[in-house]
Amino acid sequence: MALSLKARKRLSLLILMVGLPAYIVACVTAVNWLWPDPLSGPPLGAELAIYVGLGVLWAFPLKWVFKGVGRGE
């Protein structure tokens, strides 16, 4: 899938402005659904690992969109 630089810039902006906040809400909702009681939730280290893992996970399928967007024409 070969998109022009202008199209990739627009798509990356859409992903960062709409997709990423929606992904964050989905991740927090999923973790809260798995451990609904904050007192019996996962240990702090496990929760940190979950959020760091999910934070890195979103970028791998989308790296082709962001590659080279910061460079000029």
N, C-alpha and C. Protein backbone atom coordinates (compact mmCIF):
# COMPACT_ATOMS: atom_id res chain seq x y z
N MET A 1 0.85 -1.18 0.00
CA MET A 1 0.00 0.00 0.00
C MET A 1 0.89 1.23 0.00
N ALA A 2 0.95 1.90 -1.11
CA ALA A 2 1.82 3.05 -1.26
C ALA A 2 0.99 4.33 -1.24
N LEU A 3 1.12 5.08 -0.19
CA LEU A 3 0.43 6.35 -0.09
C LEU A 3 1.43 7.48 -0.30
N SER A 4 0.96 8.59 -0.81
CA SER A 4 1.84 9.74 -0.96
C SER A 4 2.18 10.29 0.42
N LEU A 5 3.20 11.12 0.46
CA LEU A 5 3.61 11.72 1.73
C LEU A 5 2.49 12.56 2.32
N LYS A 6 1.79 13.30 1.48
CA LYS A 6 0.69 14.14 1.95
C LYS A 6 -0.43 13.29 2.56
N ALA A 7 -0.74 12.16 1.92
CA ALA A 7 -1.78 11.28 2.43
C ALA A 7 -1.35 10.63 3.74
N ARG A 8 -0.07 10.24 3.84
CA ARG A 8 0.41 9.64 5.08
C ARG A 8 0.42 10.66 6.21
N LYS A 9 0.72 11.92 5.92
CA LYS A 9 0.67 12.97 6.95
C LYS A 9 -0.75 13.15 7.47
N ARG A 10 -1.70 13.16 6.56
CA ARG A 10 -3.10 13.31 6.97
C ARG A 10 -3.59 12.10 7.77
N LEU A 11 -3.21 10.92 7.30
CA LEU A 11 -3.61 9.70 8.00
C LEU A 11 -2.96 9.62 9.38
N SER A 12 -1.70 10.01 9.48
CA SER A 12 -1.03 9.97 10.79
C SER A 12 -1.67 10.98 11.76
N LEU A 13 -2.06 12.14 11.25
CA LEU A 13 -2.75 13.12 12.10
C LEU A 13 -4.09 12.58 12.57
N LEU A 14 -4.82 11.93 11.68
CA LEU A 14 -6.10 11.33 12.06
C LEU A 14 -5.91 10.23 13.11
N ILE A 15 -4.89 9.41 12.93
CA ILE A 15 -4.61 8.34 13.89
C ILE A 15 -4.27 8.92 15.25
N LEU A 16 -3.43 9.96 15.27
CA LEU A 16 -3.01 10.54 16.54
C LEU A 16 -4.12 11.33 17.23
N MET A 17 -5.00 11.95 16.47
CA MET A 17 -6.04 12.79 17.07
C MET A 17 -7.30 12.01 17.43
N VAL A 18 -7.61 10.95 16.69
CA VAL A 18 -8.85 10.21 16.91
C VAL A 18 -8.56 8.78 17.39
N GLY A 19 -7.70 8.09 16.67
CA GLY A 19 -7.46 6.69 16.96
C GLY A 19 -6.75 6.43 18.27
N LEU A 20 -5.72 7.20 18.56
CA LEU A 20 -4.97 6.97 19.79
C LEU A 20 -5.79 7.24 21.05
N PRO A 21 -6.53 8.35 21.14
CA PRO A 21 -7.39 8.51 22.32
C PRO A 21 -8.44 7.40 22.46
N ALA A 22 -9.00 6.95 21.34
CA ALA A 22 -9.97 5.85 21.40
C ALA A 22 -9.30 4.56 21.88
N TYR A 23 -8.06 4.33 21.44
CA TYR A 23 -7.31 3.15 21.88
C TYR A 23 -7.00 3.23 23.37
N ILE A 24 -6.65 4.40 23.86
CA ILE A 24 -6.36 4.58 25.28
C ILE A 24 -7.60 4.30 26.12
N VAL A 25 -8.74 4.83 25.69
CA VAL A 25 -9.99 4.58 26.41
C VAL A 25 -10.33 3.09 26.40
N ALA A 26 -10.12 2.43 25.27
CA ALA A 26 -10.39 0.99 25.17
C ALA A 26 -9.47 0.19 26.09
N CYS A 27 -8.20 0.56 26.16
CA CYS A 27 -7.26 -0.16 27.03
C CYS A 27 -7.60 0.02 28.51
N VAL A 28 -7.89 1.24 28.91
CA VAL A 28 -8.24 1.50 30.31
C VAL A 28 -9.54 0.78 30.66
N THR A 29 -10.50 0.80 29.75
CA THR A 29 -11.77 0.11 29.98
C THR A 29 -11.55 -1.39 30.12
N ALA A 30 -10.70 -1.96 29.26
CA ALA A 30 -10.43 -3.40 29.31
C ALA A 30 -9.75 -3.78 30.62
N VAL A 31 -8.79 -3.01 31.06
CA VAL A 31 -8.09 -3.32 32.31
C VAL A 31 -9.06 -3.17 33.49
N ASN A 32 -9.88 -2.13 33.46
CA ASN A 32 -10.87 -1.96 34.54
C ASN A 32 -11.94 -3.03 34.51
N TRP A 33 -12.25 -3.55 33.34
CA TRP A 33 -13.23 -4.63 33.23
C TRP A 33 -12.67 -5.93 33.79
N LEU A 34 -11.37 -6.16 33.56
CA LEU A 34 -10.74 -7.38 34.09
C LEU A 34 -10.59 -7.33 35.61
N TRP A 35 -10.30 -6.14 36.15
CA TRP A 35 -10.16 -5.96 37.60
C TRP A 35 -11.06 -4.81 38.03
N PRO A 36 -12.35 -5.09 38.25
CA PRO A 36 -13.30 -3.99 38.52
C PRO A 36 -13.09 -3.32 39.87
N ASP A 37 -12.58 -4.04 40.86
CA ASP A 37 -12.38 -3.45 42.18
C ASP A 37 -10.97 -2.90 42.27
N PRO A 38 -10.81 -1.58 42.48
CA PRO A 38 -9.46 -1.02 42.51
C PRO A 38 -8.61 -1.56 43.67
N LEU A 39 -9.25 -2.02 44.73
CA LEU A 39 -8.47 -2.54 45.86
C LEU A 39 -7.95 -3.94 45.60
N SER A 40 -8.64 -4.70 44.74
CA SER A 40 -8.17 -6.05 44.43
C SER A 40 -7.64 -6.14 43.01
N GLY A 41 -7.26 -5.02 42.44
CA GLY A 41 -6.74 -5.00 41.08
C GLY A 41 -5.36 -5.63 41.00
N PRO A 42 -4.75 -5.58 39.84
CA PRO A 42 -3.43 -6.18 39.69
C PRO A 42 -2.39 -5.42 40.51
N PRO A 43 -1.31 -6.07 40.88
CA PRO A 43 -0.25 -5.36 41.57
C PRO A 43 0.28 -4.21 40.71
N LEU A 44 0.87 -3.23 41.35
CA LEU A 44 1.31 -2.03 40.66
C LEU A 44 2.28 -2.36 39.52
N GLY A 45 3.20 -3.27 39.75
CA GLY A 45 4.16 -3.65 38.71
C GLY A 45 3.48 -4.31 37.52
N ALA A 46 2.50 -5.17 37.80
CA ALA A 46 1.78 -5.83 36.71
C ALA A 46 0.95 -4.82 35.92
N GLU A 47 0.32 -3.90 36.61
CA GLU A 47 -0.48 -2.88 35.93
C GLU A 47 0.42 -1.99 35.07
N LEU A 48 1.57 -1.63 35.59
CA LEU A 48 2.53 -0.84 34.82
C LEU A 48 2.98 -1.59 33.58
N ALA A 49 3.27 -2.88 33.73
CA ALA A 49 3.69 -3.70 32.59
C ALA A 49 2.58 -3.81 31.54
N ILE A 50 1.34 -3.94 31.99
CA ILE A 50 0.21 -4.01 31.06
C ILE A 50 0.10 -2.73 30.25
N TYR A 51 0.14 -1.58 30.93
CA TYR A 51 -0.01 -0.31 30.22
C TYR A 51 1.20 0.01 29.34
N VAL A 52 2.38 -0.33 29.76
CA VAL A 52 3.57 -0.12 28.91
C VAL A 52 3.49 -1.02 27.68
N GLY A 53 3.11 -2.28 27.89
CA GLY A 53 2.97 -3.20 26.77
C GLY A 53 1.92 -2.73 25.77
N LEU A 54 0.77 -2.32 26.27
CA LEU A 54 -0.28 -1.82 25.38
C LEU A 54 0.12 -0.50 24.73
N GLY A 55 0.92 0.30 25.43
CA GLY A 55 1.38 1.57 24.87
C GLY A 55 2.35 1.38 23.71
N VAL A 56 3.13 0.33 23.75
CA VAL A 56 4.07 0.04 22.67
C VAL A 56 3.36 -0.73 21.55
N LEU A 57 2.40 -1.55 21.91
CA LEU A 57 1.73 -2.42 20.96
C LEU A 57 1.00 -1.67 19.84
N TRP A 58 0.45 -0.51 20.11
CA TRP A 58 -0.33 0.20 19.10
C TRP A 58 0.54 0.69 17.95
N ALA A 59 1.82 0.93 18.19
CA ALA A 59 2.66 1.54 17.17
C ALA A 59 3.14 0.55 16.11
N PHE A 60 3.29 -0.72 16.45
CA PHE A 60 3.85 -1.67 15.49
C PHE A 60 3.02 -1.85 14.22
N PRO A 61 1.71 -2.01 14.28
CA PRO A 61 0.97 -2.15 13.03
C PRO A 61 0.90 -0.85 12.22
N LEU A 62 1.17 0.28 12.86
CA LEU A 62 1.02 1.57 12.18
C LEU A 62 2.34 2.24 11.83
N LYS A 63 3.45 1.55 12.01
CA LYS A 63 4.73 2.21 11.78
C LYS A 63 4.93 2.60 10.32
N TRP A 64 4.29 1.90 9.39
CA TRP A 64 4.42 2.25 7.98
C TRP A 64 3.79 3.62 7.68
N VAL A 65 2.80 4.01 8.50
CA VAL A 65 2.17 5.32 8.29
C VAL A 65 3.08 6.44 8.76
N PHE A 66 3.75 6.22 9.90
CA PHE A 66 4.55 7.28 10.50
C PHE A 66 5.97 7.37 9.95
N LYS A 67 6.40 6.36 9.21
CA LYS A 67 7.78 6.33 8.71
C LYS A 67 7.97 7.43 7.67
N GLY A 68 8.89 8.35 7.94
CA GLY A 68 9.23 9.41 7.01
C GLY A 68 8.29 10.60 7.01
N VAL A 69 7.31 10.64 7.90
CA VAL A 69 6.35 11.74 7.90
C VAL A 69 7.00 13.04 8.36
N GLY A 70 7.97 12.96 9.26
CA GLY A 70 8.62 14.15 9.78
C GLY A 70 9.61 14.79 8.82
N ARG A 71 10.01 14.06 7.81
CA ARG A 71 10.94 14.62 6.83
C ARG A 71 10.22 15.46 5.80
N GLY A 72 10.96 16.30 5.14
CA GLY A 72 10.40 17.15 4.09
C GLY A 72 10.18 16.36 2.81
N GLU A 73 9.66 17.04 1.83
CA GLU A 73 9.34 16.40 0.54
C GLU A 73 10.57 15.81 -0.10
